[in-house]
Amino acid sequence: MTSTHASRKHIDNLPADLRELFLPPAVRAEAFVPGRPVKGRNEPSAIGAVAWVAHKVKEVAFEEFVEQGWTNAVELFGLRELADGRNSGVGV
C-alpha cells in the first residue's frame, strides 16, 4: 500500500500501534533482514492494513469485519479445528 494508493486516506487513520504491527518499516531486497518486510512485495503482515481499509470503506466495525473474514476462511478451507480452538484431527 503505497503513499499514492487510493487507500492512503484510510491508512492515515490507522492507530499507531496497529500501523506498527501491520505496516512495519520495509527494507530493500538486497538488504533483507529476517522478520522485516521487503519493499515492493505483497507481504502477509499487510493483511491487517487491508482489513482496516476494507472496514472503513464498508463502514463496518473493524472487529466485526475481521471476525467475518476469519469465519469465511475457516469455512472455505475446512479449518474447523482452529475455529473450535482444539485439534480434533479432522482432515480438510
PDB file of N, CA and C in Angstrom:
ATOM      1  N   MET A   1       0.858  -1.158   0.000  1.00  0.00           N
ATOM      2  CA  MET A   1       0.000   0.000   0.000  1.00  0.00           C
ATOM      3  C   MET A   1       0.910   1.229   0.000  1.00  0.00           C
ATOM      4  N   THR A   2       1.062   1.790  -1.164  1.00  0.00           N
ATOM      5  CA  THR A   2       1.982   2.907  -1.328  1.00  0.00           C
ATOM      6  C   THR A   2       1.332   4.225  -0.931  1.00  0.00           C
ATOM      7  N   SER A   3       2.154   5.250  -0.842  1.00  0.00           N
ATOM      8  CA  SER A   3       1.655   6.566  -0.455  1.00  0.00           C
ATOM      9  C   SER A   3       0.732   7.166  -1.509  1.00  0.00           C
ATOM     10  N   THR A   4       0.767   6.644  -2.736  1.00  0.00           N
ATOM     11  CA  THR A   4      -0.095   7.161  -3.797  1.00  0.00           C
ATOM     12  C   THR A   4      -1.347   6.305  -4.002  1.00  0.00           C
ATOM     13  N   HIS A   5      -1.486   5.234  -3.242  1.00  0.00           N
ATOM     14  CA  HIS A   5      -2.631   4.329  -3.379  1.00  0.00           C
ATOM     15  C   HIS A   5      -3.904   5.021  -2.892  1.00  0.00           C
ATOM     16  N   ALA A   6      -5.030   4.687  -3.493  1.00  0.00           N
ATOM     17  CA  ALA A   6      -6.315   5.287  -3.124  1.00  0.00           C
ATOM     18  C   ALA A   6      -6.690   5.032  -1.674  1.00  0.00           C
ATOM     19  N   SER A   7      -6.131   4.004  -1.072  1.00  0.00           N
ATOM     20  CA  SER A   7      -6.446   3.671   0.321  1.00  0.00           C
ATOM     21  C   SER A   7      -5.717   4.566   1.318  1.00  0.00           C
ATOM     22  N   ARG A   8      -4.830   5.426   0.851  1.00  0.00           N
ATOM     23  CA  ARG A   8      -3.965   6.210   1.735  1.00  0.00           C
ATOM     24  C   ARG A   8      -4.752   6.994   2.789  1.00  0.00           C
ATOM     25  N   LYS A   9      -5.894   7.571   2.411  1.00  0.00           N
ATOM     26  CA  LYS A   9      -6.658   8.359   3.382  1.00  0.00           C
ATOM     27  C   LYS A   9      -7.130   7.498   4.549  1.00  0.00           C
ATOM     28  N   HIS A  10      -7.364   6.217   4.302  1.00  0.00           N
ATOM     29  CA  HIS A  10      -7.780   5.315   5.383  1.00  0.00           C
ATOM     30  C   HIS A  10      -6.574   4.847   6.197  1.00  0.00           C
ATOM     31  N   ILE A  11      -5.468   4.593   5.537  1.00  0.00           N
ATOM     32  CA  ILE A  11      -4.242   4.171   6.221  1.00  0.00           C
ATOM     33  C   ILE A  11      -3.766   5.260   7.166  1.00  0.00           C
ATOM     34  N   ASP A  12      -3.953   6.515   6.771  1.00  0.00           N
ATOM     35  CA  ASP A  12      -3.540   7.626   7.630  1.00  0.00           C
ATOM     36  C   ASP A  12      -4.307   7.646   8.951  1.00  0.00           C
ATOM     37  N   ASN A  13      -5.482   7.000   8.999  1.00  0.00           N
ATOM     38  CA  ASN A  13      -6.282   6.933  10.226  1.00  0.00           C
ATOM     39  C   ASN A  13      -6.021   5.662  11.035  1.00  0.00           C
ATOM     40  N   LEU A  14      -5.104   4.843  10.578  1.00  0.00           N
ATOM     41  CA  LEU A  14      -4.763   3.603  11.278  1.00  0.00           C
ATOM     42  C   LEU A  14      -4.053   3.954  12.586  1.00  0.00           C
ATOM     43  N   PRO A  15      -4.549   3.468  13.737  1.00  0.00           N
ATOM     44  CA  PRO A  15      -3.885   3.769  15.004  1.00  0.00           C
ATOM     45  C   PRO A  15      -2.413   3.345  14.977  1.00  0.00           C
ATOM     46  N   ALA A  16      -1.567   4.101  15.666  1.00  0.00           N
ATOM     47  CA  ALA A  16      -0.113   3.890  15.630  1.00  0.00           C
ATOM     48  C   ALA A  16       0.276   2.466  15.992  1.00  0.00           C
ATOM     49  N   ASP A  17      -0.358   1.867  17.010  1.00  0.00           N
ATOM     50  CA  ASP A  17       0.010   0.510  17.408  1.00  0.00           C
ATOM     51  C   ASP A  17      -0.317  -0.508  16.317  1.00  0.00           C
ATOM     52  N   LEU A  18      -1.432  -0.293  15.606  1.00  0.00           N
ATOM     53  CA  LEU A  18      -1.789  -1.195  14.509  1.00  0.00           C
ATOM     54  C   LEU A  18      -0.911  -0.932  13.290  1.00  0.00           C
ATOM     55  N   ARG A  19      -0.563   0.329  13.058  1.00  0.00           N
ATOM     56  CA  ARG A  19       0.324   0.660  11.931  1.00  0.00           C
ATOM     57  C   ARG A  19       1.667  -0.049  12.100  1.00  0.00           C
ATOM     58  N   GLU A  20       2.194  -0.012  13.319  1.00  0.00           N
ATOM     59  CA  GLU A  20       3.479  -0.675  13.602  1.00  0.00           C
ATOM     60  C   GLU A  20       3.384  -2.180  13.377  1.00  0.00           C
ATOM     61  N   LEU A  21       2.239  -2.758  13.740  1.00  0.00           N
ATOM     62  CA  LEU A  21       2.038  -4.200  13.592  1.00  0.00           C
ATOM     63  C   LEU A  21       1.800  -4.598  12.134  1.00  0.00           C
ATOM     64  N   PHE A  22       0.922  -3.859  11.439  1.00  0.00           N
ATOM     65  CA  PHE A  22       0.511  -4.223  10.085  1.00  0.00           C
ATOM     66  C   PHE A  22       1.458  -3.718   8.996  1.00  0.00           C
ATOM     67  N   LEU A  23       2.107  -2.593   9.241  1.00  0.00           N
ATOM     68  CA  LEU A  23       2.952  -1.978   8.215  1.00  0.00           C
ATOM     69  C   LEU A  23       4.320  -1.601   8.781  1.00  0.00           C
ATOM     70  N   PRO A  24       5.084  -2.592   9.212  1.00  0.00           N
ATOM     71  CA  PRO A  24       6.413  -2.277   9.752  1.00  0.00           C
ATOM     72  C   PRO A  24       7.318  -1.721   8.655  1.00  0.00           C
ATOM     73  N   PRO A  25       8.360  -0.981   9.035  1.00  0.00           N
ATOM     74  CA  PRO A  25       9.270  -0.429   8.024  1.00  0.00           C
ATOM     75  C   PRO A  25       9.860  -1.538   7.146  1.00  0.00           C
ATOM     76  N   ALA A  26       9.867  -1.298   5.856  1.00  0.00           N
ATOM     77  CA  ALA A  26      10.361  -2.287   4.893  1.00  0.00           C
ATOM     78  C   ALA A  26      11.809  -1.985   4.512  1.00  0.00           C
ATOM     79  N   VAL A  27      12.486  -3.021   4.030  1.00  0.00           N
ATOM     80  CA  VAL A  27      13.874  -2.891   3.575  1.00  0.00           C
ATOM     81  C   VAL A  27      13.953  -3.294   2.099  1.00  0.00           C
ATOM     82  N   ARG A  28      15.015  -2.865   1.432  1.00  0.00           N
ATOM     83  CA  ARG A  28      15.253  -3.289   0.052  1.00  0.00           C
ATOM     84  C   ARG A  28      15.596  -4.780   0.042  1.00  0.00           C
ATOM     85  N   ALA A  29      15.312  -5.446  -1.052  1.00  0.00           N
ATOM     86  CA  ALA A  29      15.549  -6.890  -1.143  1.00  0.00           C
ATOM     87  C   ALA A  29      17.010  -7.241  -0.876  1.00  0.00           C
ATOM     88  N   GLU A  30      17.933  -6.421  -1.360  1.00  0.00           N
ATOM     89  CA  GLU A  30      19.358  -6.716  -1.169  1.00  0.00           C
ATOM     90  C   GLU A  30      19.809  -6.488   0.277  1.00  0.00           C
ATOM     91  N   ALA A  31      18.980  -5.833   1.075  1.00  0.00           N
ATOM     92  CA  ALA A  31      19.306  -5.599   2.487  1.00  0.00           C
ATOM     93  C   ALA A  31      18.377  -6.410   3.389  1.00  0.00           C
ATOM     94  N   PHE A  32      17.906  -7.557   2.882  1.00  0.00           N
ATOM     95  CA  PHE A  32      16.938  -8.378   3.613  1.00  0.00           C
ATOM     96  C   PHE A  32      17.370  -8.660   5.044  1.00  0.00           C
ATOM     97  N   VAL A  33      16.391  -8.524   5.954  1.00  0.00           N
ATOM     98  CA  VAL A  33      16.581  -8.840   7.361  1.00  0.00           C
ATOM     99  C   VAL A  33      15.402  -9.729   7.764  1.00  0.00           C
ATOM    100  N   PRO A  34      15.659 -10.918   8.334  1.00  0.00           N
ATOM    101  CA  PRO A  34      14.550 -11.775   8.755  1.00  0.00           C
ATOM    102  C   PRO A  34      13.582 -11.029   9.675  1.00  0.00           C
ATOM    103  N   GLY A  35      12.299 -11.184   9.408  1.00  0.00           N
ATOM    104  CA  GLY A  35      11.283 -10.546  10.229  1.00  0.00           C
ATOM    105  C   GLY A  35      10.871  -9.167   9.747  1.00  0.00           C
ATOM    106  N   ARG A  36      11.526  -8.654   8.709  1.00  0.00           N
ATOM    107  CA  ARG A  36      11.171  -7.333   8.164  1.00  0.00           C
ATOM    108  C   ARG A  36      10.612  -7.515   6.759  1.00  0.00           C
ATOM    109  N   PRO A  37       9.566  -6.771   6.406  1.00  0.00           N
ATOM    110  CA  PRO A  37       9.026  -6.884   5.047  1.00  0.00           C
ATOM    111  C   PRO A  37       9.996  -6.293   4.023  1.00  0.00           C
ATOM    112  N   VAL A  38       9.867  -6.736   2.788  1.00  0.00           N
ATOM    113  CA  VAL A  38      10.704  -6.257   1.688  1.00  0.00           C
ATOM    114  C   VAL A  38       9.883  -5.292   0.844  1.00  0.00           C
ATOM    115  N   LYS A  39      10.471  -4.148   0.513  1.00  0.00           N
ATOM    116  CA  LYS A  39       9.788  -3.137  -0.298  1.00  0.00           C
ATOM    117  C   LYS A  39       9.351  -3.724  -1.630  1.00  0.00           C
ATOM    118  N   GLY A  40       8.138  -3.368  -2.043  1.00  0.00           N
ATOM    119  CA  GLY A  40       7.635  -3.786  -3.341  1.00  0.00           C
ATOM    120  C   GLY A  40       7.014  -5.161  -3.376  1.00  0.00           C
ATOM    121  N   ARG A  41       6.973  -5.841  -2.259  1.00  0.00           N
ATOM    122  CA  ARG A  41       6.376  -7.177  -2.211  1.00  0.00           C
ATOM    123  C   ARG A  41       5.044  -7.133  -1.466  1.00  0.00           C
ATOM    124  N   ASN A  42       4.171  -8.054  -1.820  1.00  0.00           N
ATOM    125  CA  ASN A  42       2.925  -8.214  -1.084  1.00  0.00           C
ATOM    126  C   ASN A  42       3.230  -9.052   0.145  1.00  0.00           C
ATOM    127  N   GLU A  43       3.402  -8.386   1.265  1.00  0.00           N
ATOM    128  CA  GLU A  43       3.784  -9.077   2.490  1.00  0.00           C
ATOM    129  C   GLU A  43       2.551  -9.506   3.287  1.00  0.00           C
ATOM    130  N   PRO A  44       2.562 -10.716   3.849  1.00  0.00           N
ATOM    131  CA  PRO A  44       1.431 -11.192   4.639  1.00  0.00           C
ATOM    132  C   PRO A  44       1.078 -10.277   5.805  1.00  0.00           C
ATOM    133  N   SER A  45       2.064  -9.595   6.370  1.00  0.00           N
ATOM    134  CA  SER A  45       1.788  -8.719   7.515  1.00  0.00           C
ATOM    135  C   SER A  45       0.854  -7.570   7.147  1.00  0.00           C
ATOM    136  N   ALA A  46       0.740  -7.251   5.874  1.00  0.00           N
ATOM    137  CA  ALA A  46      -0.114  -6.140   5.436  1.00  0.00           C
ATOM    138  C   ALA A  46      -1.596  -6.502   5.443  1.00  0.00           C
ATOM    139  N   ILE A  47      -1.943  -7.759   5.676  1.00  0.00           N
ATOM    140  CA  ILE A  47      -3.351  -8.162   5.634  1.00  0.00           C
ATOM    141  C   ILE A  47      -4.191  -7.381   6.644  1.00  0.00           C
ATOM    142  N   GLY A  48      -3.599  -7.042   7.770  1.00  0.00           N
ATOM    143  CA  GLY A  48      -4.316  -6.242   8.764  1.00  0.00           C
ATOM    144  C   GLY A  48      -4.633  -4.854   8.245  1.00  0.00           C
ATOM    145  N   ALA A  49      -3.703  -4.257   7.515  1.00  0.00           N
ATOM    146  CA  ALA A  49      -3.931  -2.929   6.930  1.00  0.00           C
ATOM    147  C   ALA A  49      -5.012  -3.011   5.848  1.00  0.00           C
ATOM    148  N   VAL A  50      -4.997  -4.078   5.080  1.00  0.00           N
ATOM    149  CA  VAL A  50      -6.029  -4.278   4.060  1.00  0.00           C
ATOM    150  C   VAL A  50      -7.397  -4.396   4.738  1.00  0.00           C
ATOM    151  N   ALA A  51      -7.466  -5.139   5.826  1.00  0.00           N
ATOM    152  CA  ALA A  51      -8.722  -5.266   6.575  1.00  0.00           C
ATOM    153  C   ALA A  51      -9.160  -3.914   7.123  1.00  0.00           C
ATOM    154  N   TRP A  52      -8.204  -3.109   7.587  1.00  0.00           N
ATOM    155  CA  TRP A  52      -8.526  -1.777   8.118  1.00  0.00           C
ATOM    156  C   TRP A  52      -9.179  -0.920   7.024  1.00  0.00           C
ATOM    157  N   VAL A  53      -8.581  -0.898   5.841  1.00  0.00           N
ATOM    158  CA  VAL A  53      -9.119  -0.106   4.740  1.00  0.00           C
ATOM    159  C   VAL A  53     -10.503  -0.624   4.345  1.00  0.00           C
ATOM    160  N   ALA A  54     -10.640  -1.940   4.228  1.00  0.00           N
ATOM    161  CA  ALA A  54     -11.924  -2.527   3.822  1.00  0.00           C
ATOM    162  C   ALA A  54     -13.022  -2.216   4.835  1.00  0.00           C
ATOM    163  N   HIS A  55     -12.697  -2.257   6.137  1.00  0.00           N
ATOM    164  CA  HIS A  55     -13.734  -1.956   7.131  1.00  0.00           C
ATOM    165  C   HIS A  55     -14.132  -0.489   7.061  1.00  0.00           C
ATOM    166  N   LYS A  56     -13.199   0.388   6.733  1.00  0.00           N
ATOM    167  CA  LYS A  56     -13.527   1.809   6.573  1.00  0.00           C
ATOM    168  C   LYS A  56     -14.423   2.022   5.350  1.00  0.00           C
ATOM    169  N   VAL A  57     -14.089   1.377   4.248  1.00  0.00           N
ATOM    170  CA  VAL A  57     -14.869   1.519   3.015  1.00  0.00           C
ATOM    171  C   VAL A  57     -16.271   0.945   3.195  1.00  0.00           C
ATOM    172  N   LYS A  58     -16.354  -0.218   3.849  1.00  0.00           N
ATOM    173  CA  LYS A  58     -17.640  -0.892   4.054  1.00  0.00           C
ATOM    174  C   LYS A  58     -18.452  -0.287   5.197  1.00  0.00           C
ATOM    175  N   GLU A  59     -17.787   0.560   6.011  1.00  0.00           N
ATOM    176  CA  GLU A  59     -18.426   1.186   7.174  1.00  0.00           C
ATOM    177  C   GLU A  59     -18.977   0.141   8.145  1.00  0.00           C
ATOM    178  N   VAL A  60     -18.105  -0.818   8.465  1.00  0.00           N
ATOM    179  CA  VAL A  60     -18.408  -1.890   9.413  1.00  0.00           C
ATOM    180  C   VAL A  60     -17.345  -1.829  10.508  1.00  0.00           C
ATOM    181  N   ALA A  61     -17.695  -2.213  11.723  1.00  0.00           N
ATOM    182  CA  ALA A  61     -16.728  -2.235  12.818  1.00  0.00           C
ATOM    183  C   ALA A  61     -15.546  -3.137  12.446  1.00  0.00           C
ATOM    184  N   PHE A  62     -14.337  -2.705  12.793  1.00  0.00           N
ATOM    185  CA  PHE A  62     -13.127  -3.456  12.456  1.00  0.00           C
ATOM    186  C   PHE A  62     -13.195  -4.879  12.995  1.00  0.00           C
ATOM    187  N   GLU A  63     -13.556  -5.029  14.271  1.00  0.00           N
ATOM    188  CA  GLU A  63     -13.618  -6.353  14.893  1.00  0.00           C
ATOM    189  C   GLU A  63     -14.631  -7.248  14.177  1.00  0.00           C
ATOM    190  N   GLU A  64     -15.762  -6.676  13.810  1.00  0.00           N
ATOM    191  CA  GLU A  64     -16.794  -7.437  13.106  1.00  0.00           C
ATOM    192  C   GLU A  64     -16.281  -7.878  11.731  1.00  0.00           C
ATOM    193  N   PHE A  65     -15.594  -6.983  11.035  1.00  0.00           N
ATOM    194  CA  PHE A  65     -15.057  -7.293   9.709  1.00  0.00           C
ATOM    195  C   PHE A  65     -14.023  -8.409   9.786  1.00  0.00           C
ATOM    196  N   VAL A  66     -13.106  -8.303  10.746  1.00  0.00           N
ATOM    197  CA  VAL A  66     -12.050  -9.306  10.900  1.00  0.00           C
ATOM    198  C   VAL A  66     -12.643 -10.656  11.308  1.00  0.00           C
ATOM    199  N   GLU A  67     -13.602 -10.634  12.212  1.00  0.00           N
ATOM    200  CA  GLU A  67     -14.237 -11.881  12.655  1.00  0.00           C
ATOM    201  C   GLU A  67     -14.938 -12.575  11.485  1.00  0.00           C
ATOM    202  N   GLN A  68     -15.618 -11.801  10.642  1.00  0.00           N
ATOM    203  CA  GLN A  68     -16.293 -12.403   9.482  1.00  0.00           C
ATOM    204  C   GLN A  68     -15.269 -12.976   8.511  1.00  0.00           C
ATOM    205  N   GLY A  69     -14.150 -12.293   8.328  1.00  0.00           N
ATOM    206  CA  GLY A  69     -13.083 -12.813   7.466  1.00  0.00           C
ATOM    207  C   GLY A  69     -12.541 -14.130   7.987  1.00  0.00           C
ATOM    208  N   TRP A  70     -12.336 -14.216   9.313  1.00  0.00           N
ATOM    209  CA  TRP A  70     -11.851 -15.453   9.931  1.00  0.00           C
ATOM    210  C   TRP A  70     -12.871 -16.573   9.724  1.00  0.00           C
ATOM    211  N   THR A  71     -14.137 -16.275   9.967  1.00  0.00           N
ATOM    212  CA  THR A  71     -15.202 -17.268   9.799  1.00  0.00           C
ATOM    213  C   THR A  71     -15.241 -17.766   8.355  1.00  0.00           C
ATOM    214  N   ASN A  72     -15.118 -16.856   7.411  1.00  0.00           N
ATOM    215  CA  ASN A  72     -15.126 -17.241   5.995  1.00  0.00           C
ATOM    216  C   ASN A  72     -13.928 -18.128   5.656  1.00  0.00           C
ATOM    217  N   ALA A  73     -12.748 -17.794   6.172  1.00  0.00           N
ATOM    218  CA  ALA A  73     -11.547 -18.588   5.898  1.00  0.00           C
ATOM    219  C   ALA A  73     -11.676 -19.992   6.488  1.00  0.00           C
ATOM    220  N   VAL A  74     -12.189 -20.086   7.700  1.00  0.00           N
ATOM    221  CA  VAL A  74     -12.384 -21.388   8.349  1.00  0.00           C
ATOM    222  C   VAL A  74     -13.321 -22.252   7.510  1.00  0.00           C
ATOM    223  N   GLU A  75     -14.408 -21.654   7.058  1.00  0.00           N
ATOM    224  CA  GLU A  75     -15.380 -22.398   6.263  1.00  0.00           C
ATOM    225  C   GLU A  75     -14.801 -22.784   4.897  1.00  0.00           C
ATOM    226  N   LEU A  76     -14.155 -21.843   4.223  1.00  0.00           N
ATOM    227  CA  LEU A  76     -13.623 -22.084   2.887  1.00  0.00           C
ATOM    228  C   LEU A  76     -12.543 -23.159   2.876  1.00  0.00           C
ATOM    229  N   PHE A  77     -11.637 -23.112   3.845  1.00  0.00           N
ATOM    230  CA  PHE A  77     -10.501 -24.031   3.866  1.00  0.00           C
ATOM    231  C   PHE A  77     -10.696 -25.229   4.798  1.00  0.00           C
ATOM    232  N   GLY A  78     -11.867 -25.352   5.399  1.00  0.00           N
ATOM    233  CA  GLY A  78     -12.156 -26.501   6.249  1.00  0.00           C
ATOM    234  C   GLY A  78     -11.308 -26.542   7.509  1.00  0.00           C
ATOM    235  N   LEU A  79     -11.148 -25.425   8.156  1.00  0.00           N
ATOM    236  CA  LEU A  79     -10.287 -25.320   9.338  1.00  0.00           C
ATOM    237  C   LEU A  79     -11.095 -25.320  10.635  1.00  0.00           C
ATOM    238  N   ARG A  80     -12.104 -26.115  10.697  1.00  0.00           N
ATOM    239  CA  ARG A  80     -12.995 -26.106  11.859  1.00  0.00           C
ATOM    240  C   ARG A  80     -12.275 -26.364  13.178  1.00  0.00           C
ATOM    241  N   GLU A  81     -11.202 -27.180  13.139  1.00  0.00           N
ATOM    242  CA  GLU A  81     -10.471 -27.457  14.379  1.00  0.00           C
ATOM    243  C   GLU A  81      -9.808 -26.185  14.918  1.00  0.00           C
ATOM    244  N   LEU A  82      -9.451 -25.250  14.057  1.00  0.00           N
ATOM    245  CA  LEU A  82      -8.905 -23.972  14.518  1.00  0.00           C
ATOM    246  C   LEU A  82     -10.003 -23.088  15.092  1.00  0.00           C
ATOM    247  N   ALA A  83     -11.164 -23.144  14.495  1.00  0.00           N
ATOM    248  CA  ALA A  83     -12.281 -22.317  14.957  1.00  0.00           C
ATOM    249  C   ALA A  83     -12.735 -22.768  16.335  1.00  0.00           C
ATOM    250  N   ASP A  84     -12.659 -24.066  16.593  1.00  0.00           N
ATOM    251  CA  ASP A  84     -13.083 -24.604  17.878  1.00  0.00           C
ATOM    252  C   ASP A  84     -12.010 -24.424  18.949  1.00  0.00           C
ATOM    253  N   GLY A  85     -10.791 -24.080  18.528  1.00  0.00           N
ATOM    254  CA  GLY A  85      -9.701 -23.926  19.484  1.00  0.00           C
ATOM    255  C   GLY A  85      -9.116 -25.247  19.944  1.00  0.00           C
ATOM    256  N   ARG A  86      -9.421 -26.302  19.221  1.00  0.00           N
ATOM    257  CA  ARG A  86      -8.881 -27.618  19.592  1.00  0.00           C
ATOM    258  C   ARG A  86      -8.512 -28.356  18.323  1.00  0.00           C
ATOM    259  N   ASN A  87      -7.631 -29.285  18.427  1.00  0.00           N
ATOM    260  CA  ASN A  87      -7.193 -30.069  17.285  1.00  0.00           C
ATOM    261  C   ASN A  87      -7.928 -31.405  17.355  1.00  0.00           C
ATOM    262  N   SER A  88      -8.998 -31.511  16.587  1.00  0.00           N
ATOM    263  CA  SER A  88      -9.822 -32.724  16.628  1.00  0.00           C
ATOM    264  C   SER A  88      -9.300 -33.818  15.706  1.00  0.00           C
ATOM    265  N   GLY A  89      -8.263 -33.486  14.902  1.00  0.00           N
ATOM    266  CA  GLY A  89      -7.728 -34.473  13.979  1.00  0.00           C
ATOM    267  C   GLY A  89      -8.538 -34.622  12.723  1.00  0.00           C
ATOM    268  N   VAL A  90      -9.539 -33.776  12.548  1.00  0.00           N
ATOM    269  CA  VAL A  90     -10.374 -33.827  11.354  1.00  0.00           C
ATOM    270  C   VAL A  90      -9.601 -33.262  10.189  1.00  0.00           C
ATOM    271  N   GLY A  91      -9.550 -33.976   9.072  1.00  0.00           N
ATOM    272  CA  GLY A  91      -8.834 -33.522   7.885  1.00  0.00           C
ATOM    273  C   GLY A  91      -9.585 -32.442   7.143  1.00  0.00           C
ATOM    274  N   VAL A  92      -8.890 -31.837   6.198  1.00  0.00           N
ATOM    275  CA  VAL A  92      -9.503 -30.768   5.389  1.00  0.00           C
ATOM    276  C   VAL A  92     -10.449 -31.344   4.396  1.00  0.00           C
TER     277      VAL A  92
END
